[in-house]
N, C-alpha and C. Protein backbone atom coordinates (compact mmCIF):
# COMPACT_ATOMS: atom_id res chain seq x y z
N MET A 1 -0.53 0.29 5.95
CA MET A 1 -1.09 -0.90 5.37
C MET A 1 -0.96 -0.86 3.84
N ILE A 2 -1.29 0.28 3.26
CA ILE A 2 -1.17 0.41 1.80
C ILE A 2 0.29 0.32 1.40
N ALA A 3 1.14 1.00 2.15
CA ALA A 3 2.58 0.98 1.85
C ALA A 3 3.13 -0.43 1.97
N LEU A 4 2.68 -1.17 2.96
CA LEU A 4 3.14 -2.55 3.15
C LEU A 4 2.78 -3.40 1.94
N VAL A 5 1.56 -3.26 1.47
CA VAL A 5 1.10 -4.04 0.32
C VAL A 5 1.92 -3.70 -0.93
N ILE A 6 2.16 -2.42 -1.15
CA ILE A 6 2.93 -2.01 -2.33
C ILE A 6 4.37 -2.49 -2.23
N GLN A 7 4.98 -2.31 -1.06
CA GLN A 7 6.38 -2.71 -0.89
C GLN A 7 6.56 -4.22 -1.00
N ALA A 8 5.52 -4.99 -0.71
CA ALA A 8 5.60 -6.44 -0.79
C ALA A 8 5.47 -6.95 -2.23
N ALA A 9 5.07 -6.07 -3.14
CA ALA A 9 4.92 -6.46 -4.55
C ALA A 9 6.29 -6.68 -5.19
N PRO A 10 6.36 -7.57 -6.18
CA PRO A 10 7.66 -7.88 -6.81
C PRO A 10 8.43 -6.66 -7.32
N PHE A 11 7.75 -5.69 -7.92
CA PHE A 11 8.44 -4.51 -8.45
C PHE A 11 8.16 -3.26 -7.61
N CYS A 12 7.60 -3.45 -6.40
CA CYS A 12 7.29 -2.36 -5.47
C CYS A 12 6.39 -1.30 -6.11
N ARG A 13 5.48 -1.75 -6.94
CA ARG A 13 4.48 -0.88 -7.52
C ARG A 13 3.28 -1.73 -7.90
N LEU A 14 2.09 -1.17 -7.74
CA LEU A 14 0.85 -1.86 -8.07
C LEU A 14 -0.17 -0.88 -8.61
N LYS A 15 -1.13 -1.39 -9.37
CA LYS A 15 -2.27 -0.59 -9.80
C LYS A 15 -3.30 -0.61 -8.67
N LEU A 16 -4.25 0.32 -8.70
CA LEU A 16 -5.25 0.43 -7.64
C LEU A 16 -5.99 -0.89 -7.42
N ALA A 17 -6.45 -1.53 -8.47
CA ALA A 17 -7.18 -2.79 -8.33
C ALA A 17 -6.31 -3.87 -7.69
N GLN A 18 -5.02 -3.87 -8.01
CA GLN A 18 -4.09 -4.84 -7.42
C GLN A 18 -3.89 -4.56 -5.93
N ILE A 19 -3.83 -3.28 -5.57
CA ILE A 19 -3.68 -2.91 -4.16
C ILE A 19 -4.88 -3.41 -3.38
N ILE A 20 -6.06 -3.18 -3.91
CA ILE A 20 -7.29 -3.61 -3.23
C ILE A 20 -7.30 -5.13 -3.06
N ARG A 21 -6.94 -5.87 -4.10
CA ARG A 21 -6.91 -7.34 -3.99
C ARG A 21 -5.89 -7.80 -2.94
N GLN A 22 -4.73 -7.16 -2.91
CA GLN A 22 -3.69 -7.56 -1.95
C GLN A 22 -4.08 -7.21 -0.53
N VAL A 23 -4.75 -6.08 -0.33
CA VAL A 23 -5.23 -5.73 1.01
C VAL A 23 -6.21 -6.80 1.48
N GLN A 24 -7.10 -7.23 0.62
CA GLN A 24 -8.05 -8.28 0.98
C GLN A 24 -7.33 -9.59 1.27
N ALA A 25 -6.29 -9.89 0.52
CA ALA A 25 -5.56 -11.14 0.73
C ALA A 25 -4.77 -11.12 2.04
N MET A 26 -4.21 -9.98 2.40
CA MET A 26 -3.37 -9.90 3.59
C MET A 26 -4.16 -9.66 4.87
N PHE A 27 -5.32 -9.01 4.76
CA PHE A 27 -6.09 -8.62 5.94
C PHE A 27 -7.52 -9.14 5.82
N PRO A 28 -7.85 -10.23 6.50
CA PRO A 28 -9.18 -10.84 6.40
C PRO A 28 -10.33 -9.88 6.69
N PHE A 29 -10.10 -8.87 7.52
CA PHE A 29 -11.15 -7.91 7.85
C PHE A 29 -11.76 -7.30 6.59
N PHE A 30 -10.98 -7.11 5.56
CA PHE A 30 -11.43 -6.42 4.35
C PHE A 30 -12.08 -7.35 3.33
N ARG A 31 -12.31 -8.60 3.71
CA ARG A 31 -12.99 -9.54 2.81
C ARG A 31 -14.50 -9.54 3.02
N ASP A 32 -14.98 -8.75 3.94
CA ASP A 32 -16.40 -8.70 4.28
C ASP A 32 -17.20 -7.99 3.18
N ASP A 33 -18.50 -7.91 3.36
CA ASP A 33 -19.38 -7.31 2.35
C ASP A 33 -19.20 -5.79 2.23
N TYR A 34 -18.79 -5.13 3.31
CA TYR A 34 -18.63 -3.67 3.28
C TYR A 34 -17.50 -3.29 2.32
N GLU A 35 -17.77 -2.38 1.41
CA GLU A 35 -16.79 -2.02 0.40
C GLU A 35 -16.39 -0.55 0.43
N GLY A 36 -16.87 0.22 1.41
CA GLY A 36 -16.55 1.63 1.48
C GLY A 36 -15.07 1.92 1.67
N TRP A 37 -14.35 0.95 2.21
CA TRP A 37 -12.92 1.13 2.45
C TRP A 37 -12.14 1.28 1.14
N LYS A 38 -12.68 0.77 0.05
CA LYS A 38 -11.96 0.84 -1.23
C LYS A 38 -11.78 2.29 -1.68
N ASP A 39 -12.78 3.13 -1.44
CA ASP A 39 -12.65 4.55 -1.76
C ASP A 39 -11.60 5.20 -0.87
N SER A 40 -11.47 4.73 0.36
CA SER A 40 -10.46 5.27 1.27
C SER A 40 -9.05 4.96 0.78
N ILE A 41 -8.88 3.80 0.17
CA ILE A 41 -7.57 3.44 -0.40
C ILE A 41 -7.20 4.46 -1.48
N HIS A 42 -8.12 4.72 -2.40
CA HIS A 42 -7.84 5.67 -3.47
C HIS A 42 -7.59 7.07 -2.91
N HIS A 43 -8.38 7.47 -1.93
CA HIS A 43 -8.19 8.79 -1.31
C HIS A 43 -6.80 8.91 -0.68
N ASN A 44 -6.38 7.88 0.05
CA ASN A 44 -5.07 7.92 0.69
C ASN A 44 -3.93 7.93 -0.32
N LEU A 45 -4.07 7.18 -1.39
CA LEU A 45 -3.05 7.19 -2.43
C LEU A 45 -2.90 8.59 -3.03
N SER A 46 -4.02 9.26 -3.24
CA SER A 46 -4.01 10.57 -3.89
C SER A 46 -3.59 11.70 -2.96
N SER A 47 -3.82 11.54 -1.66
CA SER A 47 -3.61 12.66 -0.74
C SER A 47 -2.34 12.58 0.10
N ASN A 48 -1.68 11.44 0.16
CA ASN A 48 -0.46 11.32 0.96
C ASN A 48 0.78 11.41 0.08
N GLN A 49 1.72 12.23 0.51
CA GLN A 49 2.93 12.48 -0.28
C GLN A 49 3.81 11.25 -0.44
N CYS A 50 3.68 10.28 0.45
CA CYS A 50 4.56 9.11 0.36
C CYS A 50 4.18 8.19 -0.80
N PHE A 51 2.98 8.37 -1.35
CA PHE A 51 2.56 7.58 -2.50
C PHE A 51 2.74 8.41 -3.77
N ARG A 52 3.34 7.81 -4.76
CA ARG A 52 3.52 8.54 -6.01
C ARG A 52 3.00 7.69 -7.17
N LYS A 53 2.38 8.39 -8.09
CA LYS A 53 1.81 7.76 -9.27
C LYS A 53 2.93 7.52 -10.28
N VAL A 54 3.01 6.31 -10.79
CA VAL A 54 4.01 5.95 -11.79
C VAL A 54 3.26 5.64 -13.09
N PRO A 55 3.40 6.49 -14.09
CA PRO A 55 2.66 6.27 -15.34
C PRO A 55 3.03 4.94 -15.99
N LYS A 56 2.01 4.22 -16.46
CA LYS A 56 2.30 2.98 -17.18
C LYS A 56 2.86 3.29 -18.55
N ASP A 57 2.50 4.47 -19.06
CA ASP A 57 3.03 4.95 -20.34
C ASP A 57 3.49 6.40 -20.12
N PRO A 58 4.80 6.63 -20.01
CA PRO A 58 5.30 7.99 -19.75
C PRO A 58 4.83 9.03 -20.78
N ALA A 59 4.47 8.59 -21.97
CA ALA A 59 3.98 9.52 -23.00
C ALA A 59 2.56 10.00 -22.70
N LYS A 60 1.84 9.26 -21.84
CA LYS A 60 0.46 9.62 -21.48
C LYS A 60 0.31 9.64 -19.96
N PRO A 61 0.90 10.62 -19.28
CA PRO A 61 0.87 10.64 -17.81
C PRO A 61 -0.52 10.82 -17.22
N GLN A 62 -1.48 11.35 -17.97
CA GLN A 62 -2.83 11.57 -17.46
C GLN A 62 -3.75 10.36 -17.67
N ALA A 63 -3.26 9.33 -18.32
CA ALA A 63 -4.07 8.15 -18.59
C ALA A 63 -4.42 7.42 -17.30
N LYS A 64 -5.52 6.69 -17.34
CA LYS A 64 -5.91 5.90 -16.17
C LYS A 64 -5.14 4.59 -16.17
N GLY A 65 -5.17 3.91 -15.02
CA GLY A 65 -4.51 2.61 -14.92
C GLY A 65 -3.03 2.70 -14.60
N ASN A 66 -2.61 3.80 -13.99
CA ASN A 66 -1.21 3.96 -13.62
C ASN A 66 -0.86 3.10 -12.42
N PHE A 67 0.42 2.94 -12.19
CA PHE A 67 0.91 2.23 -11.01
C PHE A 67 1.06 3.21 -9.86
N TRP A 68 1.08 2.66 -8.64
CA TRP A 68 1.38 3.43 -7.44
C TRP A 68 2.61 2.83 -6.79
N ALA A 69 3.50 3.70 -6.33
CA ALA A 69 4.71 3.28 -5.63
C ALA A 69 4.80 4.05 -4.32
N VAL A 70 5.75 3.67 -3.48
CA VAL A 70 5.93 4.30 -2.17
C VAL A 70 7.31 4.92 -2.09
N ASP A 71 7.36 6.15 -1.61
CA ASP A 71 8.63 6.77 -1.26
C ASP A 71 8.76 6.58 0.25
N VAL A 72 9.52 5.57 0.66
CA VAL A 72 9.59 5.21 2.09
C VAL A 72 10.15 6.34 2.94
N ASN A 73 10.90 7.25 2.36
CA ASN A 73 11.45 8.37 3.12
C ASN A 73 10.38 9.38 3.51
N LEU A 74 9.23 9.33 2.86
CA LEU A 74 8.15 10.28 3.16
C LEU A 74 7.03 9.67 4.00
N ILE A 75 7.18 8.43 4.44
CA ILE A 75 6.16 7.83 5.30
C ILE A 75 6.26 8.48 6.67
N PRO A 76 5.15 9.01 7.21
CA PRO A 76 5.17 9.63 8.53
C PRO A 76 5.60 8.63 9.61
N ALA A 77 6.38 9.11 10.57
CA ALA A 77 6.91 8.23 11.62
C ALA A 77 5.80 7.49 12.36
N GLU A 78 4.68 8.17 12.62
CA GLU A 78 3.59 7.51 13.37
C GLU A 78 2.99 6.35 12.58
N ALA A 79 3.12 6.36 11.28
CA ALA A 79 2.60 5.26 10.47
C ALA A 79 3.49 4.03 10.55
N LEU A 80 4.71 4.20 11.02
CA LEU A 80 5.64 3.08 11.10
C LEU A 80 5.53 2.30 12.40
N ARG A 81 4.83 2.86 13.36
CA ARG A 81 4.69 2.16 14.64
C ARG A 81 3.76 0.97 14.48
N LEU A 82 4.23 -0.19 14.89
CA LEU A 82 3.42 -1.39 14.80
C LEU A 82 2.66 -1.60 16.10
N GLN A 83 1.48 -2.14 15.97
CA GLN A 83 0.72 -2.50 17.16
C GLN A 83 1.27 -3.82 17.68
N ASN A 84 1.02 -4.08 18.93
CA ASN A 84 1.50 -5.31 19.56
C ASN A 84 0.50 -6.44 19.27
N THR A 85 0.55 -6.95 18.06
CA THR A 85 -0.32 -8.05 17.67
C THR A 85 0.52 -9.18 17.11
N ALA A 86 -0.06 -10.36 17.07
CA ALA A 86 0.67 -11.52 16.56
C ALA A 86 1.07 -11.31 15.10
N LEU A 87 0.19 -10.72 14.31
CA LEU A 87 0.49 -10.49 12.90
C LEU A 87 1.68 -9.55 12.74
N CYS A 88 1.70 -8.46 13.50
CA CYS A 88 2.83 -7.53 13.42
C CYS A 88 4.10 -8.18 13.92
N TRP A 89 4.00 -9.03 14.93
CA TRP A 89 5.19 -9.72 15.42
C TRP A 89 5.77 -10.61 14.33
N ARG A 90 4.91 -11.31 13.59
CA ARG A 90 5.39 -12.16 12.50
C ARG A 90 6.05 -11.31 11.42
N TRP A 91 5.45 -10.15 11.11
CA TRP A 91 6.05 -9.29 10.10
C TRP A 91 7.43 -8.84 10.53
N GLN A 92 7.57 -8.47 11.80
CA GLN A 92 8.88 -8.04 12.29
C GLN A 92 9.87 -9.19 12.24
N THR A 93 9.43 -10.37 12.64
CA THR A 93 10.30 -11.54 12.68
C THR A 93 10.74 -11.92 11.27
N TRP A 94 9.84 -11.88 10.32
CA TRP A 94 10.16 -12.29 8.95
C TRP A 94 10.85 -11.17 8.16
N GLY A 95 10.89 -9.98 8.73
CA GLY A 95 11.59 -8.88 8.07
C GLY A 95 10.80 -8.13 7.04
N ILE A 96 9.49 -8.35 6.98
CA ILE A 96 8.68 -7.68 5.97
C ILE A 96 8.68 -6.17 6.19
N CYS A 97 8.65 -5.74 7.44
CA CYS A 97 8.55 -4.30 7.72
C CYS A 97 9.90 -3.61 7.69
N ARG A 98 10.98 -4.32 7.54
CA ARG A 98 12.30 -3.68 7.58
C ARG A 98 12.49 -2.68 6.45
N ALA A 99 11.71 -2.81 5.39
CA ALA A 99 11.82 -1.86 4.28
C ALA A 99 11.32 -0.48 4.68
N PHE A 100 10.59 -0.40 5.79
CA PHE A 100 9.99 0.87 6.19
C PHE A 100 10.81 1.62 7.22
N VAL A 101 11.89 1.06 7.72
CA VAL A 101 12.67 1.76 8.75
C VAL A 101 14.02 2.14 8.22
């Protein structure tokens, strides 16, 4: 889900706040009052090898507000399996997920 949001961005990179906004825009479930999932987004970005931090200023790599990008070659195969839902069918039909295979 995070990889999908990042790959759908114009330059295939987003800041954390942008990722959170796009997840809410693409998945109505995340528009509810519960906000604990936002910490999970940051945790997954930091702990999965397929996500890499892209410094907004290469001279200051430790600065906050960096971009996140996806290395599609490092996405685990099980993460690429789509569920049999109408939304996933539309993604397959429109070619949105083709960047992941």
